[in-house]
Amino acid sequence: MKGIIRKRHVTSSYQFDHNAYAAALQANYAHLSDGEESGVSVRVAGRLMLLRRQGKLAFATMRDSSGEIQLFALAGVADEFEAFTKLHLGDWVGVEGEVVRTKRGELSVKVTTWVRLAEALHNFGDKWAGIADFDLRYRHREADLWANELSRRSLLRRSAAVRSMRERCWGQGFVEVETPILNAIPSGAYAKPFVTHHNALDTDFYLRIAPELWLKRLVVGGFERVFEIGRLFRNEGVSPRHNPEFTSIEIYAAYWDYEDMMSFTEELVAGVALDVLGTTEIEYQGRQLSLSTPWARRPMAELASEAVGEEVSANTPRERLAHLLDERGVAAHASWGPGRCLAELFEATSEDNLWDAVFVTGHPVETSPLARRDPHDELITQRFESYAAGRELSNGFSELTDPREQRARFEDQARLAAAGDDEAMVLDEDFLRALEWGLPPTAGMGMGIDRLAMLLADEANIREVIAFPTLKPLRD
């Protein structure tokens, strides 16, 4: 595909009224016998993906957004037959003709008139292998989506998943809202932000790392059930599971606790799987994976204890937890308390082994500054994370509603930041003032849509489910 630019100048049309799509034609005229004509003329449009001439006959494969249909051109019947046979792969064409089935059994549009709608100056990839160069695929998705059918399928499944999420949230009385992307301070999650400068205000802003605090302020304002689907930005690494800008859905419901939100989360994911794939028992990367409800609930301390062969918890001495981390090649930062050490131990030993959908509960207060404490254990919170295929899908909890305790938690975060933790949360005075107006008992949940799309599309790399993933710019 690289380096070949065709220099031809052929008149193209700026407009074409088409009235039929390939998939509908294949379905509506499946009854035609070999060699049978329908007597129905249609107008179709799309890209030429294959073209071959056999004397006074020419056959082309045209692909539109729904599928493929053969074009059958006959000298003396098709206008400008010779020009038709000189079209190039990738050219957009509009065709009018009768729907027929050829003697060899191929449903076709028998070309009478046609027009080239746009010229493709580059060759497409191999018909069977598509575009194999990964860097080229991601930098030129516009070509990849035509050359690689799986790329188109993955993005269509993502779109279907987002639509299903919206409809299911609406069906439960949630109101969709929008919150600011430019934030005066980065808040709402553990993450390193992107910084930008607002010229008119002559001040720095941050691209949002999470909409959580804005959404909870809407609950304070009387929106009992809200959700937002939107972009988040985290100035962190790029990997098969991470992209610096990604899409999430965040959901908040007044009068719920984390148990209610876990039930809603599992039903939401299972329902989306049913809508997109027709089943909750899926195959991912050659292995069966269950999204069927109810999902198991497993305490973090229990999973970590099983993995290391001894009982550990947020109450285990920090020195012991740090030693267990060191044995597994993880150095405990001086600012980490036992809660953070336990969370890191779980991540190092257990996270990758969680295959079927499961909720991990009992997160330490130290790593959950916005979550309500567990009334039965003051060292942990009413928080959950859901996992499937060894990766986190969602994070949720019963929200901390006491402004005094929330201030103390933010101050703890400030001490962590001073000790060198560049992902620690900052103190948000506006949010604390909002809490002083009264936040009712509330549960919230955030889910990465890209990662869920990876499961539904059976993709191992997050870039496959993002139309235009973040790439390092090419330099001359």
Protein backbone atom coordinates (compact mmCIF):
# COMPACT_ATOMS: atom_id res chain seq x y z
CA MET A 1 0.00 0.00 0.00
CA LYS A 2 2.89 2.39 0.71
CA GLY A 3 4.40 4.55 -1.98
CA ILE A 4 1.95 3.86 -4.81
CA ILE A 5 -0.14 6.86 -5.80
CA ARG A 6 -2.15 6.74 -8.98
CA LYS A 7 -2.20 9.91 -11.04
CA ARG A 8 -5.43 9.77 -13.01
CA HIS A 9 -8.05 12.39 -13.48
CA VAL A 10 -11.49 11.03 -14.32
CA THR A 11 -14.70 12.96 -13.86
CA SER A 12 -16.56 11.94 -10.69
CA SER A 13 -20.08 12.64 -9.48
CA TYR A 14 -20.75 14.71 -6.37
CA GLN A 15 -24.09 13.08 -5.61
CA PHE A 16 -25.80 9.72 -6.01
CA ASP A 17 -29.22 8.64 -4.77
CA HIS A 18 -29.03 4.96 -3.90
CA ASN A 19 -32.00 2.95 -2.72
CA ALA A 20 -30.59 -0.46 -1.83
CA TYR A 21 -27.90 -2.04 0.34
CA ALA A 22 -25.95 -5.23 -0.27
CA ALA A 23 -27.15 -7.14 2.79
CA ALA A 24 -30.81 -6.37 2.07
CA LEU A 25 -30.43 -7.45 -1.54
CA GLN A 26 -28.82 -10.74 -0.47
CA ALA A 27 -31.75 -11.39 1.90
CA ASN A 28 -34.61 -10.17 -0.29
CA TYR A 29 -33.51 -11.99 -3.45
CA ALA A 30 -32.20 -15.22 -1.95
CA HIS A 31 -35.05 -17.03 -3.73
CA LEU A 32 -33.75 -16.32 -7.25
CA SER A 33 -32.64 -19.43 -9.10
CA ASP A 34 -29.40 -19.66 -11.08
CA GLY A 35 -29.73 -17.57 -14.24
CA GLU A 36 -33.00 -15.97 -13.05
CA GLU A 37 -33.73 -12.25 -13.47
CA SER A 38 -35.84 -10.31 -10.95
CA GLY A 39 -37.15 -7.56 -13.23
CA VAL A 40 -36.33 -5.07 -10.46
CA SER A 41 -33.84 -2.26 -11.01
CA VAL A 42 -31.94 -0.87 -8.00
CA ARG A 43 -29.32 1.77 -7.30
CA VAL A 44 -26.38 0.73 -5.12
CA ALA A 45 -23.17 2.45 -4.04
CA GLY A 46 -19.93 1.43 -2.38
CA ARG A 47 -16.26 0.55 -2.95
CA LEU A 48 -14.88 -1.81 -5.55
CA MET A 49 -12.98 -4.53 -3.72
CA LEU A 50 -12.42 -6.92 -6.64
CA LEU A 51 -12.59 -6.47 -10.44
CA ARG A 52 -11.92 -8.96 -13.20
CA ARG A 53 -12.64 -8.97 -16.93
CA GLN A 54 -13.50 -11.96 -19.08
CA GLY A 55 -13.74 -10.78 -22.66
CA LYS A 56 -16.99 -8.86 -23.02
CA LEU A 57 -17.95 -9.56 -19.40
CA ALA A 58 -16.69 -7.91 -16.23
CA PHE A 59 -17.36 -8.93 -12.65
CA ALA A 60 -16.74 -6.73 -9.65
CA THR A 61 -17.28 -7.09 -5.91
CA MET A 62 -18.77 -3.96 -4.41
CA ARG A 63 -18.79 -3.50 -0.65
CA ASP A 64 -21.02 -1.05 1.20
CA SER A 65 -21.61 -0.52 4.91
CA SER A 66 -23.83 -3.60 5.13
CA GLY A 67 -21.95 -6.21 3.09
CA GLU A 68 -21.01 -7.20 -0.45
CA ILE A 69 -22.79 -7.64 -3.76
CA GLN A 70 -21.44 -8.63 -7.17
CA LEU A 71 -21.64 -6.23 -10.08
CA PHE A 72 -22.12 -7.92 -13.46
CA ALA A 73 -21.25 -5.75 -16.47
CA LEU A 74 -21.84 -6.80 -20.07
CA ALA A 75 -20.43 -5.00 -23.10
CA GLY A 76 -23.27 -3.42 -25.05
CA VAL A 77 -25.48 -3.28 -21.95
CA ALA A 78 -23.36 -1.42 -19.44
CA ASP A 79 -22.63 2.20 -20.32
CA GLU A 80 -18.95 2.89 -20.95
CA PHE A 81 -18.00 -0.76 -20.49
CA GLU A 82 -14.32 -0.21 -21.28
CA ALA A 83 -14.04 2.58 -18.71
CA PHE A 84 -15.76 0.36 -16.14
CA THR A 85 -13.15 -2.36 -16.62
CA LYS A 86 -10.40 0.19 -15.95
CA LEU A 87 -11.67 1.22 -12.54
CA HIS A 88 -9.25 0.54 -9.68
CA LEU A 89 -9.73 -1.30 -6.43
CA GLY A 90 -10.95 1.05 -3.77
CA ASP A 91 -12.80 3.40 -6.13
CA TRP A 92 -16.26 4.42 -4.94
CA VAL A 93 -18.95 3.77 -7.54
CA GLY A 94 -22.67 4.25 -7.91
CA VAL A 95 -24.46 1.66 -10.04
CA GLU A 96 -27.95 1.22 -11.41
CA GLY A 97 -29.11 -2.13 -12.77
CA GLU A 98 -31.37 -5.15 -12.46
CA VAL A 99 -31.02 -7.66 -9.64
CA VAL A 100 -30.17 -11.04 -11.18
CA ARG A 101 -28.57 -14.31 -10.24
CA THR A 102 -25.85 -15.40 -12.65
CA LYS A 103 -25.73 -18.85 -14.15
CA ARG A 104 -22.99 -19.65 -11.62
CA GLY A 105 -25.32 -18.76 -8.75
CA GLU A 106 -23.96 -15.36 -7.72
CA LEU A 107 -26.53 -12.71 -6.81
CA SER A 108 -25.59 -9.61 -8.80
CA VAL A 109 -26.61 -6.20 -9.98
CA LYS A 110 -26.49 -6.23 -13.79
CA VAL A 111 -24.93 -2.87 -14.59
CA THR A 112 -26.72 -0.52 -16.96
CA THR A 113 -25.42 2.87 -15.81
CA TRP A 114 -22.67 3.70 -13.38
CA VAL A 115 -20.63 6.62 -12.10
CA ARG A 116 -17.42 6.84 -10.21
CA LEU A 117 -18.09 8.75 -6.99
CA ALA A 118 -14.53 9.00 -5.69
CA GLU A 119 -11.11 7.85 -6.80
CA ALA A 120 -8.82 5.86 -4.52
CA LEU A 121 -5.23 6.92 -5.08
CA HIS A 122 -3.76 4.13 -2.95
CA ASN A 123 -3.92 0.38 -3.32
CA PHE A 124 -5.81 -1.53 -0.66
CA GLY A 125 -4.28 -4.54 1.09
CA ASP A 126 -4.39 -8.10 -0.11
CA LYS A 127 -7.96 -9.34 -0.63
CA TRP A 128 -7.54 -12.23 1.79
CA ALA A 129 -4.94 -10.99 4.31
CA GLY A 130 -5.96 -7.33 4.38
CA ILE A 131 -3.41 -4.84 5.70
CA ALA A 132 -0.90 -6.72 7.85
CA ASP A 133 1.30 -3.79 8.95
CA PHE A 134 -0.04 -2.93 12.43
CA ASP A 135 1.35 0.59 12.50
CA LEU A 136 -0.12 1.31 9.08
CA ARG A 137 -3.47 -0.15 10.14
CA TYR A 138 -3.80 2.13 13.17
CA ARG A 139 -2.51 5.25 11.41
CA HIS A 140 -4.83 4.73 8.43
CA ARG A 141 -7.96 3.20 9.89
CA GLU A 142 -9.91 4.55 6.95
CA ALA A 143 -8.14 1.94 4.81
CA ASP A 144 -7.97 -0.75 7.49
CA LEU A 145 -11.75 -0.75 7.94
CA TRP A 146 -12.20 -1.73 4.28
CA ALA A 147 -9.30 -4.13 4.00
CA ASN A 148 -9.87 -5.96 7.31
CA GLU A 149 -13.41 -7.07 7.94
CA LEU A 150 -12.65 -7.92 11.59
CA SER A 151 -11.71 -4.30 12.26
CA ARG A 152 -15.12 -3.14 11.10
CA ARG A 153 -16.84 -5.90 13.11
CA SER A 154 -15.04 -4.94 16.30
CA LEU A 155 -16.04 -1.29 16.05
CA LEU A 156 -19.61 -2.23 15.21
CA ARG A 157 -19.78 -4.42 18.31
CA ARG A 158 -18.44 -1.55 20.39
CA SER A 159 -21.12 0.74 18.97
CA ALA A 160 -23.81 -1.83 19.73
CA ALA A 161 -22.52 -2.16 23.31
CA VAL A 162 -22.68 1.60 23.92
CA ARG A 163 -26.20 1.76 22.52
CA SER A 164 -27.27 -1.14 24.74
CA MET A 165 -25.76 0.53 27.82
CA ARG A 166 -27.62 3.75 27.18
CA GLU A 167 -30.94 2.04 26.61
CA ARG A 168 -30.59 -0.10 29.72
CA CYS A 169 -29.69 2.89 31.88
CA TRP A 170 -32.59 4.88 30.46
CA GLY A 171 -34.85 1.93 31.14
CA GLN A 172 -33.95 2.09 34.84
CA GLY A 173 -34.72 5.79 35.13
CA PHE A 174 -31.18 7.14 34.83
CA VAL A 175 -30.70 10.58 33.29
CA GLU A 176 -27.77 11.06 30.90
CA VAL A 177 -25.70 14.16 31.67
CA GLU A 178 -22.48 15.86 30.59
CA THR A 179 -19.81 17.25 32.90
CA PRO A 180 -16.72 19.40 32.21
CA ILE A 181 -13.66 17.94 30.52
CA LEU A 182 -11.49 20.94 31.43
CA ASN A 183 -11.00 20.84 35.19
CA ALA A 184 -9.33 23.38 37.46
CA ILE A 185 -7.93 20.51 39.52
CA PRO A 186 -7.53 16.81 38.64
CA SER A 187 -9.85 14.86 40.91
CA GLY A 188 -12.05 11.82 41.19
CA ALA A 189 -9.50 9.05 40.65
CA TYR A 190 -5.93 7.87 41.15
CA ALA A 191 -4.19 9.03 37.97
CA LYS A 192 -1.61 11.39 36.51
CA PRO A 193 -3.37 14.11 34.48
CA PHE A 194 -2.70 15.89 31.21
CA VAL A 195 -2.14 19.64 31.66
CA THR A 196 -3.26 22.34 29.25
CA HIS A 197 -3.30 26.14 29.38
CA HIS A 198 -6.33 28.39 28.95
CA ASN A 199 -5.08 31.55 27.27
CA ALA A 200 -8.01 33.86 28.04
CA LEU A 201 -7.98 32.97 31.75
CA ASP A 202 -4.18 32.65 31.79
CA THR A 203 -4.33 29.54 33.94
CA ASP A 204 -3.62 25.84 33.67
CA PHE A 205 -6.42 23.32 33.41
CA TYR A 206 -6.40 19.54 33.47
CA LEU A 207 -8.15 17.13 31.14
CA ARG A 208 -10.48 15.18 33.37
CA ILE A 209 -9.32 11.88 34.80
CA ALA A 210 -12.84 11.05 36.03
CA PRO A 211 -16.26 12.77 36.16
CA GLU A 212 -17.06 11.29 39.59
CA LEU A 213 -17.12 14.41 41.74
CA TRP A 214 -19.19 16.36 39.22
CA LEU A 215 -21.74 13.57 39.01
CA LYS A 216 -22.08 13.34 42.78
CA ARG A 217 -22.68 17.09 42.87
CA LEU A 218 -25.61 16.50 40.53
CA VAL A 219 -26.99 13.95 43.00
CA VAL A 220 -26.69 16.62 45.71
CA GLY A 221 -28.66 18.84 43.32
CA GLY A 222 -31.55 16.39 43.16
CA PHE A 223 -30.71 14.15 40.18
CA GLU A 224 -31.26 10.84 41.94
CA ARG A 225 -30.00 8.66 39.08
CA VAL A 226 -27.44 9.95 36.62
CA PHE A 227 -24.92 8.53 34.16
CA GLU A 228 -22.37 9.85 31.73
CA ILE A 229 -20.61 8.19 28.81
CA GLY A 230 -17.53 10.14 27.83
CA ARG A 231 -13.80 10.46 27.34
CA LEU A 232 -11.29 10.37 30.18
CA PHE A 233 -7.61 11.28 29.91
CA ARG A 234 -4.77 9.82 31.95
CA ASN A 235 -1.14 10.67 31.31
CA GLU A 236 0.08 7.13 31.74
CA GLY A 237 1.57 4.31 29.70
CA VAL A 238 0.33 2.76 26.46
CA SER A 239 -0.17 -1.01 26.41
CA PRO A 240 -2.52 -3.64 24.96
CA ARG A 241 -4.87 -2.78 27.86
CA HIS A 242 -4.30 0.97 28.19
CA ASN A 243 -4.83 4.01 25.98
CA PRO A 244 -4.18 7.53 27.33
CA GLU A 245 -7.68 8.65 26.30
CA PHE A 246 -10.46 6.17 26.78
CA THR A 247 -14.22 5.98 27.18
CA SER A 248 -16.05 5.19 30.38
CA ILE A 249 -19.57 5.05 31.70
CA GLU A 250 -20.09 6.36 35.23
CA ILE A 251 -23.35 5.74 37.04
CA TYR A 252 -24.69 7.12 40.36
CA ALA A 253 -27.87 6.22 42.20
CA ALA A 254 -29.19 7.85 45.36
CA TYR A 255 -30.45 5.53 48.13
CA TRP A 256 -28.37 2.58 46.84
CA ASP A 257 -25.37 0.96 48.46
CA TYR A 258 -22.57 -1.01 46.86
CA GLU A 259 -24.57 -4.25 46.96
CA ASP A 260 -27.31 -2.59 44.88
CA MET A 261 -24.69 -1.27 42.47
CA MET A 262 -23.03 -4.68 42.13
CA SER A 263 -26.39 -6.18 41.19
CA PHE A 264 -26.99 -3.43 38.64
CA THR A 265 -23.47 -3.77 37.21
CA GLU A 266 -23.66 -7.51 36.61
CA GLU A 267 -27.10 -7.21 35.06
CA LEU A 268 -25.89 -4.36 32.86
CA VAL A 269 -22.86 -6.27 31.52
CA ALA A 270 -24.78 -9.51 31.06
CA GLY A 271 -27.58 -7.62 29.33
CA VAL A 272 -25.17 -5.88 26.97
CA ALA A 273 -23.60 -9.24 26.10
CA LEU A 274 -27.05 -10.62 25.30
CA ASP A 275 -27.89 -7.60 23.15
CA VAL A 276 -24.61 -7.71 21.22
CA LEU A 277 -23.81 -11.42 21.05
CA GLY A 278 -27.03 -13.16 22.04
CA THR A 279 -25.34 -14.99 24.94
CA THR A 280 -23.53 -14.45 28.24
CA GLU A 281 -21.32 -17.50 27.69
CA ILE A 282 -18.69 -16.16 25.30
CA GLU A 283 -15.37 -17.27 23.90
CA TYR A 284 -12.45 -14.95 24.50
CA GLN A 285 -9.05 -15.61 22.97
CA GLY A 286 -9.85 -19.29 22.54
CA ARG A 287 -11.14 -19.81 26.08
CA GLN A 288 -14.69 -19.92 27.43
CA LEU A 289 -15.64 -16.99 29.64
CA SER A 290 -18.85 -16.60 31.59
CA LEU A 291 -20.62 -13.28 32.12
CA SER A 292 -23.74 -14.99 33.45
CA THR A 293 -25.27 -13.66 36.65
CA PRO A 294 -24.92 -13.78 39.57
CA TRP A 295 -21.19 -13.06 39.66
CA ALA A 296 -19.08 -14.42 42.51
CA ARG A 297 -18.07 -12.04 45.32
CA ARG A 298 -14.53 -12.50 46.66
CA PRO A 299 -12.83 -10.37 49.35
CA MET A 300 -9.45 -8.98 48.32
CA ALA A 301 -7.75 -10.25 51.48
CA GLU A 302 -9.09 -13.77 50.87
CA LEU A 303 -7.74 -13.88 47.32
CA ALA A 304 -4.35 -12.52 48.36
CA SER A 305 -4.18 -15.01 51.24
CA GLU A 306 -4.85 -17.93 48.92
CA ALA A 307 -2.16 -16.72 46.54
CA VAL A 308 0.62 -16.28 49.13
CA GLY A 309 -0.27 -19.30 51.29
CA GLU A 310 -0.86 -17.40 54.52
CA GLU A 311 -3.56 -15.18 55.94
CA VAL A 312 -3.09 -11.51 55.14
CA SER A 313 -5.36 -8.48 55.50
CA ALA A 314 -5.31 -4.72 55.93
CA ASN A 315 -4.53 -5.47 59.58
CA THR A 316 -1.34 -7.43 58.76
CA PRO A 317 1.84 -5.59 59.83
CA ARG A 318 3.23 -3.48 57.01
CA GLU A 319 6.66 -5.09 57.33
CA ARG A 320 5.23 -8.54 56.59
CA LEU A 321 3.25 -7.32 53.59
CA ALA A 322 6.28 -5.44 52.26
CA HIS A 323 8.35 -8.62 52.57
CA LEU A 324 5.75 -10.63 50.64
CA LEU A 325 5.78 -7.95 47.94
CA ASP A 326 9.57 -7.96 47.80
CA GLU A 327 9.53 -11.74 47.27
CA ARG A 328 7.44 -11.10 44.17
CA GLY A 329 9.63 -8.35 42.78
CA VAL A 330 7.54 -5.40 43.94
CA ALA A 331 9.23 -2.75 46.07
CA ALA A 332 6.91 -1.18 48.64
CA HIS A 333 7.15 2.62 48.50
CA ALA A 334 7.94 4.29 51.82
CA SER A 335 4.59 6.11 51.72
CA TRP A 336 2.57 2.88 51.46
CA GLY A 337 0.72 1.74 54.54
CA PRO A 338 -0.53 -1.83 55.08
CA GLY A 339 -3.70 -1.15 53.07
CA ARG A 340 -1.81 -0.06 49.98
CA CYS A 341 0.60 -2.98 50.41
CA LEU A 342 -2.33 -5.41 50.54
CA ALA A 343 -3.82 -3.94 47.35
CA GLU A 344 -0.47 -4.19 45.58
CA LEU A 345 -0.07 -7.79 46.78
CA PHE A 346 -3.48 -8.67 45.39
CA GLU A 347 -2.58 -7.08 42.05
CA ALA A 348 0.75 -8.91 41.88
CA THR A 349 -0.62 -12.35 42.79
CA SER A 350 -4.31 -12.64 41.97
CA GLU A 351 -5.63 -10.18 39.41
CA ASP A 352 -4.42 -12.01 36.29
CA ASN A 353 -6.06 -15.27 37.42
CA LEU A 354 -9.63 -13.90 37.66
CA TRP A 355 -11.15 -15.27 34.45
CA ASP A 356 -14.94 -15.58 34.74
CA ALA A 357 -16.68 -12.36 35.82
CA VAL A 358 -16.22 -11.76 39.55
CA PHE A 359 -16.50 -8.93 42.07
CA VAL A 360 -13.53 -8.28 44.34
CA THR A 361 -14.61 -6.56 47.57
CA GLY A 362 -13.07 -5.34 50.81
CA HIS A 363 -10.70 -2.68 49.46
CA PRO A 364 -8.61 -0.88 52.08
CA VAL A 365 -9.54 2.66 53.15
CA GLU A 366 -6.03 3.74 52.19
CA THR A 367 -6.67 3.03 48.50
CA SER A 368 -10.33 4.12 48.51
CA PRO A 369 -10.47 7.79 49.54
CA LEU A 370 -14.00 8.36 48.21
CA ALA A 371 -15.64 5.19 49.54
CA ARG A 372 -17.65 4.63 52.72
CA ARG A 373 -16.03 2.52 55.43
CA ASP A 374 -17.35 -0.98 56.04
CA PRO A 375 -19.35 -0.82 59.29
CA HIS A 376 -17.92 -4.21 60.30
CA ASP A 377 -14.24 -3.41 59.64
CA GLU A 378 -12.99 0.18 59.78
CA LEU A 379 -9.85 -0.68 57.77
CA ILE A 380 -11.78 -1.56 54.59
CA THR A 381 -14.54 0.02 52.54
CA GLN A 382 -17.80 -0.89 50.86
CA ARG A 383 -16.07 -0.99 47.50
CA PHE A 384 -15.94 -3.45 44.64
CA GLU A 385 -14.02 -3.97 41.45
CA SER A 386 -15.26 -6.34 38.77
CA TYR A 387 -12.85 -8.49 36.80
CA ALA A 388 -13.09 -10.71 33.74
CA ALA A 389 -10.34 -12.32 31.66
CA GLY A 390 -7.76 -11.14 34.19
CA ARG A 391 -8.49 -7.44 33.83
CA GLU A 392 -10.49 -4.86 35.73
CA LEU A 393 -13.81 -3.92 34.14
CA SER A 394 -15.41 -1.65 36.72
CA ASN A 395 -14.91 0.07 40.05
CA GLY A 396 -17.69 1.10 42.40
CA PHE A 397 -18.62 1.72 46.01
CA SER A 398 -20.98 3.13 48.56
CA GLU A 399 -20.07 6.81 48.44
CA LEU A 400 -18.53 8.61 51.37
CA THR A 401 -21.08 11.32 52.20
CA ASP A 402 -19.64 12.90 55.37
CA PRO A 403 -17.79 16.11 54.39
CA ARG A 404 -15.66 16.03 57.53
CA GLU A 405 -14.35 12.52 56.92
CA GLN A 406 -13.94 13.29 53.22
CA ARG A 407 -11.74 16.27 54.10
CA ALA A 408 -9.61 14.06 56.33
CA ARG A 409 -9.25 11.51 53.51
CA PHE A 410 -8.19 14.25 51.08
CA GLU A 411 -5.63 15.45 53.62
CA ASP A 412 -4.25 11.92 53.82
CA GLN A 413 -3.94 11.99 50.04
CA ALA A 414 -2.08 15.29 50.23
CA ARG A 415 0.44 13.68 52.57
CA LEU A 416 0.93 10.85 50.08
CA ALA A 417 1.51 13.38 47.32
CA ALA A 418 4.08 15.16 49.44
CA ALA A 419 5.80 11.81 49.94
CA GLY A 420 6.16 11.35 46.19
CA ASP A 421 2.92 9.72 45.02
CA ASP A 422 2.15 11.61 41.78
CA GLU A 423 -1.21 9.83 41.41
CA ALA A 424 -2.60 10.84 44.82
CA MET A 425 -5.84 12.84 44.79
CA VAL A 426 -5.85 16.56 45.48
CA LEU A 427 -8.12 18.33 47.95
CA ASP A 428 -11.21 19.61 46.14
CA GLU A 429 -12.78 22.43 48.15
CA ASP A 430 -15.71 22.87 45.73
CA PHE A 431 -16.64 19.22 46.14
CA LEU A 432 -16.36 19.43 49.93
CA ARG A 433 -18.68 22.44 49.95
CA ALA A 434 -21.13 20.48 47.81
CA LEU A 435 -21.09 17.64 50.35
CA GLU A 436 -21.92 20.18 53.05
CA TRP A 437 -25.27 20.72 51.32
CA GLY A 438 -25.99 17.03 51.92
CA LEU A 439 -25.38 13.98 49.73
CA PRO A 440 -27.94 11.24 50.40
CA PRO A 441 -26.80 7.60 50.65
CA THR A 442 -25.45 6.96 47.16
CA ALA A 443 -23.63 4.26 45.23
CA GLY A 444 -21.53 4.84 42.14
CA MET A 445 -19.76 2.80 39.49
CA GLY A 446 -17.36 3.50 36.63
CA MET A 447 -16.65 1.05 33.81
CA GLY A 448 -14.17 1.17 30.94
CA ILE A 449 -16.15 0.73 27.75
CA ASP A 450 -13.04 -0.07 25.73
CA ARG A 451 -12.21 -3.09 27.89
CA LEU A 452 -15.75 -4.40 27.76
CA ALA A 453 -15.68 -3.96 23.98
CA MET A 454 -12.48 -6.03 23.88
CA LEU A 455 -14.33 -8.95 25.49
CA LEU A 456 -17.34 -8.66 23.21
CA ALA A 457 -15.20 -8.34 20.07
CA ASP A 458 -12.71 -11.04 21.16
CA GLU A 459 -9.80 -8.63 20.80
CA ALA A 460 -6.58 -8.88 22.83
CA ASN A 461 -5.42 -5.32 22.09
CA ILE A 462 -7.38 -2.25 23.17
CA ARG A 463 -6.35 -0.46 19.96
CA GLU A 464 -8.59 -2.79 17.96
CA VAL A 465 -11.74 -1.39 19.60
CA ILE A 466 -10.73 2.28 19.40
CA ALA A 467 -11.30 3.86 16.01
CA PHE A 468 -8.19 6.04 16.26
CA PRO A 469 -5.89 4.93 19.09
CA THR A 470 -3.14 7.17 20.44
CA LEU A 471 0.09 6.79 18.47
CA LYS A 472 3.47 8.44 18.61
CA PRO A 473 3.60 11.05 15.82
CA LEU A 474 5.76 10.24 12.84
CA ARG A 475 8.74 12.53 12.41
CA ASP A 476 10.21 13.53 9.05
